[in-house]
Amino acid sequence: MATSLQQADDGMQNYRQPPNNTEAEMGLLGAILENNRAYEKVAEFLRPDHFFDPLHGRIFTAISMLVERGQQANPTTLKNVVDTEEFEEIGGHKYLAELAGATFSVINVKDYGRLIYDLFLRRQLIELGTDVVNHAYSHDPDDSATLQIEGAEQHLYDLATNGDYEGGFQSFAESIRDAVDMAAIAFNRDGALGGVPTKFRQLDLLLGGLHKSDLIILAGRPAMGKTALATNIAFNVANLTDTVIDDQGNEKPIDDPVVGFFSLEMSAEQLASRILAEGAQIASDKIRKGELNQTEFDRLVQTSQKLQKAPLYIDDTPALSVSALRTRARRLKRQHGLGLIVVDYLQLLQSSGVSRDQNRVQEISEITRGLKTLAKELEVPVIALSQLSRAVEQREDKRPQLSDLRESGTIEQDADVVMFIYREEYYLQRAEPSRRADETTEKMNERYMMWEEAMTSVRGLAEVIIAKQRHGPTGTINLRFYPEATKFDNLDDEDGNSNSRNAKSGPQRQGDVPF
């Protein structure tokens, strides 16, 4: 079969015929007309517009209509699904009979379909290339080169995935094998986790690590430490130094997973300073102001040299759209691999092609669906930070609930895990007693001592509340928080971590403390 991919030999040196193969199109249609079961081999990925000859596309449409109705498709029955004029336009009974006799082998029908689809993709690439050239020549100031590149990458990815004939059902046996493989990884891994460890012991026990394809929402009110916890997790994952046990019972190191951190709120420099402060155990404001002694500076340099090897990549582009984020994440995975994506934070993302009459809830819905789709597509966990509504501040117990999520409906629906970060210390600090006009010194001192006792019991403590977990239990765990270094850490075992759903730590709730 001759495939037209070369320059035409008719003396028209400046004309190249688009890639096509008429014989393959005729052979495919003829094979289906001879045996309608051949249609099943190409129906999943082949469409009428994939044919180069519009006539063949219309014939394929008519055949599809009959076969999907459960009827026989042949030159005679096709006449019943198209009007007389169109039947004559597609060649009438004579041409259809020629097609039925033109097939080489029904066995080759899938090969015909793949060739037709491949040639269609080539034509689309030519069209895309032409559009890219024309856009590059445009002088629209709103259509920057960066946006054009992202648009071209998006179109290329769509071409690579739409109509992919390698997808579809897989047998239950294959699914079972995948599940057993995942269990084997957890069994052999040091720490017995199926997902990526965060190095926060109680969190890993409750979640089983961060599992690929999961969308994990980390939410909290401002100043609770959302970004700090997300940064700590990203740092821990990028410096995992984890091991698995091989068949001989020997420990084998695992390469550190690559982390992509999309920081829409902070610059890459600010985020790097936080990670550096955590690693060097130095207050971040001291690093920022340069208030370091020689020992601290030497430790800072040593830490920076170590961190330069960490596979952590930061994108601090503001007002990033979901489609642009998806494009950049795909590119990162293609170039370096990818083990975790962190987005700080969800409400600063823009939906793709949002219309004027689309409200914020619809926009957030599109964003969360896009992030969940990205997690499944790239098979990595995605941690997205989210703000909470001010309704938290109106309650006596200010521990967050699922209903406190801003535009909560779709966030809660699309997320596999919803975690809240809560620090009682933050609220107690703002409730420091002041002397009342008609109050004695003794009474004031009594109230102040009660406040100091409450502060002592919660100082440096943070709660991570797992309010939703699609594949496991909910619960609350405690972490140690060092505000100077913006660092979270494990509590010592004697500090009393809890995994029960109703676990509470610290003093009485603020509204119950009489000061």
Protein backbone atom coordinates (compact mmCIF):
# COMPACT_ATOMS: atom_id res chain seq x y z
CA MET A 1 0.00 0.00 0.00
CA ALA A 2 1.35 3.39 -0.92
CA THR A 3 1.26 6.05 1.75
CA SER A 4 1.47 9.67 0.65
CA LEU A 5 4.12 11.28 2.83
CA GLN A 6 6.45 12.62 0.15
CA GLN A 7 6.43 15.56 -2.24
CA ALA A 8 4.15 15.10 -5.24
CA ASP A 9 5.82 14.03 -8.53
CA ASP A 10 3.64 16.19 -10.77
CA GLY A 11 6.12 19.01 -11.21
CA MET A 12 4.58 21.12 -8.45
CA GLN A 13 7.79 21.47 -6.44
CA ASN A 14 6.22 23.72 -3.79
CA TYR A 15 3.26 21.46 -3.03
CA ARG A 16 3.31 18.52 -0.66
CA GLN A 17 0.20 16.41 -0.33
CA PRO A 18 -0.92 15.87 3.28
CA PRO A 19 -0.10 12.37 4.61
CA ASN A 20 -2.80 9.88 3.63
CA ASN A 21 -3.37 6.33 2.41
CA THR A 22 -6.49 5.80 0.32
CA GLU A 23 -5.86 2.07 -0.03
CA ALA A 24 -5.82 1.59 3.75
CA GLU A 25 -9.08 3.52 4.10
CA MET A 26 -10.71 1.41 1.36
CA GLY A 27 -9.32 -1.79 2.85
CA LEU A 28 -10.67 -0.93 6.32
CA LEU A 29 -14.16 -0.06 5.06
CA GLY A 30 -14.21 -3.13 2.84
CA ALA A 31 -13.21 -5.40 5.72
CA ILE A 32 -16.02 -4.03 7.91
CA LEU A 33 -18.59 -4.36 5.12
CA GLU A 34 -17.48 -7.97 4.58
CA ASN A 35 -17.51 -8.81 8.32
CA ASN A 36 -19.16 -6.32 10.69
CA ARG A 37 -17.32 -7.78 13.69
CA ALA A 38 -14.19 -6.10 12.34
CA TYR A 39 -15.75 -2.79 13.40
CA GLU A 40 -15.18 -3.70 17.08
CA LYS A 41 -11.40 -3.69 16.55
CA VAL A 42 -11.30 0.00 15.58
CA ALA A 43 -14.45 1.50 17.12
CA GLU A 44 -12.67 2.52 20.32
CA PHE A 45 -10.19 4.91 18.71
CA LEU A 46 -11.18 5.58 15.10
CA ARG A 47 -13.53 8.45 14.19
CA PRO A 48 -15.00 9.61 10.85
CA ASP A 49 -12.83 12.75 10.83
CA HIS A 50 -9.69 10.59 10.96
CA PHE A 51 -10.24 9.63 7.32
CA PHE A 52 -8.47 11.77 4.74
CA ASP A 53 -11.18 11.26 2.12
CA PRO A 54 -14.43 12.89 3.40
CA LEU A 55 -16.37 10.31 1.38
CA HIS A 56 -14.81 7.49 3.39
CA GLY A 57 -15.57 9.35 6.62
CA ARG A 58 -19.26 9.55 5.69
CA ILE A 59 -19.34 5.85 4.81
CA PHE A 60 -17.74 5.02 8.17
CA THR A 61 -20.39 7.15 9.92
CA ALA A 62 -23.20 5.24 8.19
CA ILE A 63 -21.59 1.89 9.00
CA SER A 64 -21.17 2.91 12.66
CA MET A 65 -24.82 3.90 12.88
CA LEU A 66 -25.98 0.50 11.66
CA VAL A 67 -23.55 -1.63 13.64
CA GLU A 68 -24.22 0.18 16.91
CA ARG A 69 -27.95 -0.40 16.38
CA GLY A 70 -27.21 -4.13 16.12
CA GLN A 71 -28.08 -4.20 12.41
CA GLN A 72 -26.13 -5.61 9.48
CA ALA A 73 -24.02 -3.08 7.54
CA ASN A 74 -23.57 -3.90 3.84
CA PRO A 75 -23.96 -2.04 0.53
CA THR A 76 -27.68 -2.74 0.50
CA THR A 77 -28.56 -1.77 4.09
CA LEU A 78 -26.48 1.42 3.95
CA LYS A 79 -29.00 2.79 1.50
CA ASN A 80 -31.62 2.70 4.27
CA VAL A 81 -29.72 5.01 6.64
CA VAL A 82 -28.88 7.80 4.17
CA ASP A 83 -31.12 9.71 1.82
CA THR A 84 -30.98 9.02 -1.91
CA GLU A 85 -28.91 12.10 -2.74
CA GLU A 86 -26.27 11.35 -0.12
CA PHE A 87 -26.23 7.67 -1.12
CA GLU A 88 -25.35 8.70 -4.64
CA GLU A 89 -22.73 11.13 -3.32
CA ILE A 90 -20.94 8.35 -1.46
CA GLY A 91 -20.74 6.33 -4.67
CA GLY A 92 -23.95 4.37 -4.61
CA HIS A 93 -24.23 0.61 -4.52
CA LYS A 94 -21.50 0.14 -7.13
CA TYR A 95 -18.75 1.90 -5.14
CA LEU A 96 -19.76 0.21 -1.90
CA ALA A 97 -19.62 -3.16 -3.62
CA GLU A 98 -16.13 -2.29 -4.87
CA LEU A 99 -15.12 -1.46 -1.30
CA ALA A 100 -16.46 -4.77 -0.04
CA GLY A 101 -14.35 -6.53 -2.65
CA ALA A 102 -11.26 -4.38 -2.04
CA THR A 103 -10.38 -5.80 1.37
CA PHE A 104 -7.09 -7.64 1.65
CA SER A 105 -7.74 -9.43 4.95
CA VAL A 106 -10.14 -8.96 7.82
CA ILE A 107 -7.29 -9.92 10.13
CA ASN A 108 -5.43 -6.73 9.19
CA VAL A 109 -8.29 -4.35 10.00
CA LYS A 110 -6.72 -3.06 13.22
CA ASP A 111 -3.48 -2.37 11.38
CA TYR A 112 -5.45 -0.39 8.80
CA GLY A 113 -7.11 1.57 11.59
CA ARG A 114 -3.81 2.36 13.31
CA LEU A 115 -2.28 3.52 10.03
CA ILE A 116 -5.28 5.76 9.30
CA TYR A 117 -5.11 7.22 12.79
CA ASP A 118 -1.33 7.73 12.57
CA LEU A 119 -1.70 9.62 9.29
CA PHE A 120 -4.48 11.72 10.83
CA LEU A 121 -2.12 12.66 13.69
CA ARG A 122 0.54 13.64 11.17
CA ARG A 123 -1.93 15.94 9.43
CA GLN A 124 -2.88 17.42 12.79
CA LEU A 125 0.80 17.99 13.61
CA ILE A 126 1.22 19.83 10.31
CA GLU A 127 -1.82 21.97 11.12
CA LEU A 128 -0.56 22.60 14.66
CA GLY A 129 2.87 23.54 13.36
CA THR A 130 1.31 26.01 10.95
CA ASP A 131 -0.75 27.55 13.75
CA VAL A 132 2.33 27.83 15.99
CA VAL A 133 4.23 29.63 13.22
CA ASN A 134 1.32 32.00 12.53
CA HIS A 135 0.86 32.77 16.24
CA ALA A 136 4.58 33.41 16.64
CA TYR A 137 4.37 36.02 13.86
CA SER A 138 1.45 37.77 15.58
CA HIS A 139 2.05 40.98 17.50
CA ASP A 140 -0.67 40.59 20.14
CA PRO A 141 0.89 41.81 23.44
CA ASP A 142 -1.53 39.63 25.45
CA ASP A 143 -0.37 36.51 23.58
CA SER A 144 3.14 36.12 25.00
CA ALA A 145 5.65 33.56 23.75
CA THR A 146 5.38 31.67 27.05
CA LEU A 147 1.61 31.35 26.69
CA GLN A 148 2.04 30.20 23.10
CA ILE A 149 4.49 27.49 24.19
CA GLU A 150 2.10 26.29 26.91
CA GLY A 151 -0.76 26.23 24.41
CA ALA A 152 1.32 24.26 21.89
CA GLU A 153 2.32 21.76 24.60
CA GLN A 154 -1.32 21.36 25.61
CA HIS A 155 -2.37 20.68 22.01
CA LEU A 156 0.50 18.22 21.55
CA TYR A 157 -0.52 16.37 24.70
CA ASP A 158 -4.14 16.26 23.56
CA LEU A 159 -3.01 14.76 20.27
CA ALA A 160 -0.95 12.16 22.11
CA THR A 161 -3.79 11.05 24.40
CA ASN A 162 -7.12 11.63 22.63
CA GLY A 163 -8.17 8.50 20.80
CA ASP A 164 -5.39 6.46 22.39
CA TYR A 165 -6.13 2.90 21.40
CA GLU A 166 -4.00 1.41 24.18
CA GLY A 167 -6.56 2.25 26.89
CA GLY A 168 -9.83 0.57 27.80
CA PHE A 169 -10.73 -2.24 30.18
CA GLN A 170 -8.21 -4.38 31.97
CA SER A 171 -9.07 -7.76 33.42
CA PHE A 172 -9.80 -8.17 37.11
CA ALA A 173 -6.79 -10.50 37.28
CA GLU A 174 -4.53 -7.62 36.20
CA SER A 175 -6.11 -5.32 38.79
CA ILE A 176 -5.59 -7.96 41.49
CA ARG A 177 -1.94 -8.31 40.51
CA ASP A 178 -1.47 -4.53 40.76
CA ALA A 179 -3.06 -4.52 44.23
CA VAL A 180 -0.82 -7.38 45.39
CA ASP A 181 2.24 -5.59 43.97
CA MET A 182 1.34 -2.50 45.98
CA ALA A 183 0.92 -4.62 49.12
CA ALA A 184 4.31 -6.24 48.44
CA ILE A 185 5.95 -2.82 48.21
CA ALA A 186 4.43 -1.86 51.56
CA PHE A 187 5.47 -5.19 53.08
CA ASN A 188 9.08 -4.91 51.90
CA ARG A 189 9.52 -1.20 52.55
CA ASP A 190 11.28 -0.10 55.70
CA GLY A 191 8.33 1.20 57.72
CA ALA A 192 5.70 -0.94 55.94
CA LEU A 193 4.05 1.87 53.97
CA GLY A 194 2.33 1.54 50.61
CA GLY A 195 2.65 5.22 49.75
CA VAL A 196 5.38 7.84 49.85
CA PRO A 197 6.44 8.41 53.50
CA THR A 198 6.17 11.92 54.92
CA LYS A 199 8.54 11.03 57.83
CA PHE A 200 5.85 12.14 60.30
CA ARG A 201 5.39 8.79 62.03
CA GLN A 202 1.80 9.05 63.26
CA LEU A 203 0.64 10.69 60.03
CA ASP A 204 2.21 7.90 57.98
CA LEU A 205 0.59 5.27 60.23
CA LEU A 206 -2.84 6.83 59.77
CA LEU A 207 -2.55 7.43 56.00
CA GLY A 208 -0.17 4.63 55.04
CA GLY A 209 1.95 7.26 53.31
CA LEU A 210 0.93 9.46 50.37
CA HIS A 211 -0.60 7.25 47.72
CA LYS A 212 -0.29 7.83 44.00
CA SER A 213 -3.39 9.20 42.23
CA ASP A 214 -4.68 10.71 45.50
CA LEU A 215 -5.72 14.35 45.84
CA ILE A 216 -4.86 15.45 49.39
CA ILE A 217 -6.29 18.72 50.69
CA LEU A 218 -4.37 20.41 53.51
CA ALA A 219 -6.48 23.23 54.91
CA GLY A 220 -6.34 25.70 57.77
CA ARG A 221 -6.89 29.29 58.81
CA PRO A 222 -4.11 31.84 58.19
CA ALA A 223 -1.05 31.49 60.48
CA MET A 224 -1.85 27.86 61.34
CA GLY A 225 1.21 26.64 59.42
CA LYS A 226 -0.23 25.18 56.19
CA THR A 227 2.68 26.24 54.02
CA ALA A 228 5.18 25.25 56.70
CA LEU A 229 3.75 21.72 56.95
CA ALA A 230 3.53 21.35 53.16
CA THR A 231 7.13 22.56 52.85
CA ASN A 232 8.26 20.14 55.55
CA ILE A 233 6.55 17.24 53.76
CA ALA A 234 8.09 18.26 50.42
CA PHE A 235 11.53 18.50 52.05
CA ASN A 236 11.13 15.12 53.76
CA VAL A 237 9.99 13.40 50.56
CA ALA A 238 12.82 14.91 48.50
CA ASN A 239 15.28 13.67 51.16
CA LEU A 240 13.63 10.34 51.74
CA THR A 241 16.66 7.99 51.81
CA ASP A 242 14.17 5.13 52.08
CA THR A 243 14.95 1.43 51.66
CA VAL A 244 13.22 -1.77 50.57
CA ILE A 245 14.13 -5.35 51.35
CA ASP A 246 15.04 -7.41 48.29
CA ASP A 247 14.49 -11.16 47.71
CA GLN A 248 17.71 -11.99 49.53
CA GLY A 249 16.63 -10.05 52.62
CA ASN A 250 19.07 -7.18 51.99
CA GLU A 251 18.14 -3.52 52.33
CA LYS A 252 18.27 -1.60 49.08
CA PRO A 253 18.02 2.22 48.91
CA ILE A 254 15.27 3.87 46.89
CA ASP A 255 15.96 6.96 44.82
CA ASP A 256 14.51 10.11 46.35
CA PRO A 257 11.17 10.97 44.70
CA VAL A 258 11.15 14.17 42.63
CA VAL A 259 8.90 16.86 44.16
CA GLY A 260 7.23 19.60 42.12
CA PHE A 261 6.22 22.55 44.32
CA PHE A 262 3.90 25.15 42.78
CA SER A 263 4.16 28.21 45.03
CA LEU A 264 1.55 30.74 43.95
CA GLU A 265 1.82 32.81 47.13
CA MET A 266 5.54 32.89 47.99
CA SER A 267 8.53 33.40 45.73
CA ALA A 268 10.97 30.56 45.08
CA GLU A 269 13.58 32.43 47.14
CA GLN A 270 11.25 32.76 50.15
CA LEU A 271 10.29 29.11 49.94
CA ALA A 272 13.94 28.06 49.64
CA SER A 273 14.74 30.19 52.72
CA ARG A 274 12.07 28.32 54.69
CA ILE A 275 13.45 24.94 53.66
CA LEU A 276 16.98 26.12 54.43
CA ALA A 277 15.91 27.36 57.88
CA GLU A 278 14.28 24.03 58.60
CA GLY A 279 17.29 22.01 57.48
CA ALA A 280 19.81 24.18 59.33
CA GLN A 281 17.63 24.53 62.46
CA ILE A 282 18.00 28.32 62.35
CA ALA A 283 15.22 30.91 62.67
CA SER A 284 14.18 32.04 59.20
CA ASP A 285 14.07 35.72 60.17
CA LYS A 286 17.71 35.52 61.33
CA ILE A 287 18.68 34.16 57.91
CA ARG A 288 16.69 36.91 56.22
CA LYS A 289 18.32 39.67 58.32
CA GLY A 290 21.80 38.12 58.27
CA GLU A 291 21.90 37.96 62.10
CA LEU A 292 24.04 34.82 62.25
CA ASN A 293 27.13 33.91 64.22
CA GLN A 294 29.97 31.99 62.58
CA THR A 295 28.75 28.60 63.78
CA GLU A 296 25.24 29.20 62.41
CA PHE A 297 26.62 30.49 59.12
CA ASP A 298 28.84 27.42 58.69
CA ARG A 299 25.85 25.17 59.43
CA LEU A 300 23.81 27.13 56.90
CA VAL A 301 26.44 26.62 54.19
CA GLN A 302 26.71 22.89 54.92
CA THR A 303 22.94 22.51 54.81
CA SER A 304 22.67 24.45 51.54
CA GLN A 305 25.29 22.20 49.91
CA LYS A 306 23.33 19.13 50.97
CA LEU A 307 19.98 20.57 49.85
CA GLN A 308 21.29 21.44 46.39
CA LYS A 309 21.25 17.72 45.63
CA ALA A 310 17.60 17.31 46.65
CA PRO A 311 15.24 16.64 43.69
CA LEU A 312 12.93 19.52 44.62
CA TYR A 313 11.69 21.85 41.87
CA ILE A 314 9.84 25.11 42.59
CA ASP A 315 7.55 27.01 40.22
CA ASP A 316 6.54 30.39 41.67
CA THR A 317 4.53 31.68 38.71
CA PRO A 318 1.58 33.71 40.11
CA ALA A 319 -2.03 33.26 38.95
CA LEU A 320 -1.20 29.97 37.25
CA SER A 321 -4.04 28.22 35.41
CA VAL A 322 -4.86 24.54 35.91
CA SER A 323 -3.96 23.73 32.30
CA ALA A 324 -0.58 25.50 32.63
CA LEU A 325 0.09 23.66 35.90
CA ARG A 326 -0.77 20.36 34.22
CA THR A 327 1.53 21.13 31.29
CA ARG A 328 4.46 21.99 33.55
CA ALA A 329 3.91 18.93 35.75
CA ARG A 330 3.92 16.66 32.68
CA ARG A 331 7.11 18.32 31.47
CA LEU A 332 8.78 17.83 34.88
CA LYS A 333 7.81 14.14 34.92
CA ARG A 334 9.09 13.67 31.38
CA GLN A 335 12.42 15.35 32.08
CA HIS A 336 13.21 14.32 35.67
CA GLY A 337 10.49 11.95 36.90
CA LEU A 338 7.93 12.89 39.55
CA GLY A 339 6.90 11.51 42.95
CA LEU A 340 4.84 14.31 44.54
CA ILE A 341 3.13 17.57 43.55
CA VAL A 342 2.40 20.35 46.07
CA VAL A 343 0.16 23.32 45.21
CA ASP A 344 0.22 26.36 47.53
CA TYR A 345 -2.57 27.19 47.39
CA LEU A 346 -5.76 26.07 45.63
CA GLN A 347 -7.71 29.35 45.74
CA LEU A 348 -4.90 31.19 43.91
CA LEU A 349 -5.17 28.91 40.89
CA GLN A 350 -7.20 30.00 37.89
CA SER A 351 -9.51 27.70 35.99
CA SER A 352 -8.88 27.21 32.28
CA GLY A 353 -11.02 29.40 30.08
CA VAL A 354 -13.31 30.64 32.85
CA SER A 355 -16.32 32.53 31.50
CA ARG A 356 -17.59 35.84 32.80
CA ASP A 357 -20.81 34.38 34.14
CA GLN A 358 -19.07 31.51 35.95
CA ASN A 359 -19.20 31.91 39.72
CA ARG A 360 -16.38 31.13 42.11
CA VAL A 361 -17.87 27.81 43.25
CA GLN A 362 -17.97 26.58 39.64
CA GLU A 363 -14.41 27.77 39.13
CA ILE A 364 -13.14 25.97 42.24
CA SER A 365 -15.03 22.89 41.08
CA GLU A 366 -13.14 22.94 37.79
CA ILE A 367 -9.83 23.44 39.61
CA THR A 368 -10.32 20.52 42.03
CA ARG A 369 -11.44 18.22 39.21
CA GLY A 370 -8.38 19.27 37.24
CA LEU A 371 -6.05 18.49 40.17
CA LYS A 372 -7.68 15.10 40.78
CA THR A 373 -7.40 14.28 37.07
CA LEU A 374 -3.73 15.31 37.16
CA ALA A 375 -3.07 13.01 40.14
CA LYS A 376 -4.61 10.04 38.29
CA GLU A 377 -2.98 10.89 34.98
CA LEU A 378 0.58 11.22 36.34
CA GLU A 379 0.03 8.60 39.06
CA VAL A 380 1.44 10.77 41.84
CA PRO A 381 -0.07 12.18 45.04
CA VAL A 382 -1.09 15.83 44.78
CA ILE A 383 -1.18 17.95 47.96
CA ALA A 384 -3.24 21.11 47.50
CA LEU A 385 -3.41 23.71 50.27
CA SER A 386 -6.73 25.43 50.89
CA GLN A 387 -8.05 28.32 52.95
CA LEU A 388 -10.89 27.96 55.43
CA SER A 389 -13.85 30.28 55.79
CA ARG A 390 -14.15 32.73 58.70
CA ALA A 391 -16.95 30.61 60.18
CA VAL A 392 -14.24 28.92 62.27
CA GLU A 393 -13.65 32.15 64.21
CA GLN A 394 -17.30 32.38 65.25
CA ARG A 395 -17.27 29.11 67.23
CA GLU A 396 -15.98 28.43 70.71
CA ASP A 397 -14.19 25.29 69.53
CA LYS A 398 -12.19 26.53 66.60
CA ARG A 399 -11.11 23.13 65.36
CA PRO A 400 -11.94 23.04 61.63
CA GLN A 401 -14.70 20.95 60.10
CA LEU A 402 -15.33 19.87 56.52
CA SER A 403 -18.06 22.50 56.20
CA ASP A 404 -15.45 25.20 56.86
CA LEU A 405 -13.73 24.63 53.52
CA ARG A 406 -14.22 27.58 51.22
CA GLU A 407 -16.45 26.55 48.31
CA SER A 408 -16.42 23.25 50.21
CA GLY A 409 -18.78 21.09 48.13
CA THR A 410 -16.51 20.08 45.30
CA ILE A 411 -13.31 20.24 47.35
CA GLU A 412 -14.67 17.67 49.78
CA GLN A 413 -16.14 15.59 46.95
CA ASP A 414 -13.02 15.39 44.77
CA ALA A 415 -10.46 14.98 47.56
CA ASP A 416 -9.31 11.53 48.66
CA VAL A 417 -7.92 12.94 51.91
CA VAL A 418 -8.84 16.16 53.74
CA MET A 419 -6.48 17.26 56.52
CA PHE A 420 -6.79 20.29 58.78
CA ILE A 421 -3.93 21.95 60.64
CA TYR A 422 -4.91 23.50 63.98
CA ARG A 423 -2.85 25.17 66.71
CA GLU A 424 -4.62 26.06 69.96
CA GLU A 425 -1.59 28.14 70.96
CA TYR A 426 -2.37 30.68 68.23
CA TYR A 427 -5.82 31.47 69.67
CA LEU A 428 -4.72 31.39 73.30
CA GLN A 429 -1.96 33.92 72.59
CA ARG A 430 -4.62 36.33 71.38
CA ALA A 431 -6.72 35.73 74.49
CA GLU A 432 -4.03 36.96 76.91
CA PRO A 433 -5.93 38.51 79.85
CA SER A 434 -5.81 42.23 80.46
CA ARG A 435 -6.93 43.93 83.64
CA ARG A 436 -10.57 44.90 83.80
CA ALA A 437 -11.68 48.22 85.18
CA ASP A 438 -13.42 46.81 88.28
CA GLU A 439 -11.01 43.91 88.86
CA THR A 440 -8.75 43.39 91.89
CA THR A 441 -5.06 42.56 91.50
CA GLU A 442 -5.65 39.17 93.09
CA LYS A 443 -8.39 38.28 90.61
CA MET A 444 -6.29 39.48 87.71
CA ASN A 445 -3.32 37.39 88.84
CA GLU A 446 -5.56 34.35 89.19
CA ARG A 447 -6.88 34.70 85.65
CA TYR A 448 -3.40 35.29 84.31
CA MET A 449 -2.01 32.17 86.02
CA MET A 450 -4.81 30.10 84.51
CA TRP A 451 -3.97 31.52 81.09
CA GLU A 452 -0.25 30.75 81.54
CA GLU A 453 -1.06 27.15 82.54
CA ALA A 454 -3.21 26.77 79.44
CA MET A 455 -0.43 28.26 77.28
CA THR A 456 2.16 25.93 78.78
CA SER A 457 0.07 22.86 77.97
CA VAL A 458 -0.28 23.74 74.28
CA ARG A 459 2.95 25.63 73.57
CA GLY A 460 4.62 24.20 70.45
CA LEU A 461 1.81 21.70 69.80
CA ALA A 462 -0.14 21.34 66.56
CA GLU A 463 -2.98 19.04 65.63
CA VAL A 464 -3.39 17.48 62.20
CA ILE A 465 -7.03 16.44 61.89
CA ILE A 466 -7.76 13.82 59.21
CA ALA A 467 -11.41 14.70 58.56
CA LYS A 468 -11.79 12.53 55.45
CA GLN A 469 -9.87 9.56 54.10
CA ARG A 470 -11.48 7.70 51.25
CA HIS A 471 -9.52 4.49 51.81
CA GLY A 472 -8.85 4.52 55.53
CA PRO A 473 -9.77 5.80 59.00
CA THR A 474 -10.05 9.39 60.15
CA GLY A 475 -8.34 10.67 63.28
CA THR A 476 -6.20 13.32 64.92
CA ILE A 477 -2.44 13.28 65.45
CA ASN A 478 -0.17 15.74 67.25
CA LEU A 479 3.04 17.30 65.97
CA ARG A 480 5.66 19.56 67.49
CA PHE A 481 5.85 23.03 65.91
CA TYR A 482 8.87 25.35 66.00
CA PRO A 483 7.63 28.75 64.77
CA GLU A 484 11.12 30.30 64.58
CA ALA A 485 12.27 27.72 62.01
CA THR A 486 8.75 27.17 60.56
CA LYS A 487 9.30 23.48 61.22
CA PHE A 488 7.02 20.64 62.24
CA ASP A 489 8.46 17.52 63.84
CA ASN A 490 7.37 14.28 65.47
CA LEU A 491 6.44 14.32 69.12
CA ASP A 492 8.28 11.96 71.43
CA ASP A 493 6.26 8.85 72.18
CA GLU A 494 5.79 9.87 75.79
CA ASP A 495 4.09 13.07 74.62
CA GLY A 496 1.05 10.98 73.83
CA ASN A 497 0.19 10.89 70.15
CA SER A 498 -3.34 9.78 69.45
CA ASN A 499 -4.94 8.06 66.50
CA SER A 500 -8.53 7.90 67.70
CA ARG A 501 -11.19 9.90 65.94
CA ASN A 502 -12.24 11.69 69.10
CA ALA A 503 -8.74 12.30 70.44
CA LYS A 504 -8.06 15.71 71.92
CA SER A 505 -4.90 17.19 73.29
CA GLY A 506 -4.02 20.24 75.27
CA PRO A 507 -6.20 22.19 77.67
CA GLN A 508 -9.90 22.78 77.67
CA ARG A 509 -11.32 24.57 74.66
CA GLN A 510 -10.80 28.28 74.67
CA GLY A 511 -14.44 29.04 75.25
CA ASP A 512 -14.41 26.83 78.38
CA VAL A 513 -11.35 28.46 79.96
CA PRO A 514 -12.50 31.17 82.44
CA PHE A 515 -9.89 33.86 81.84
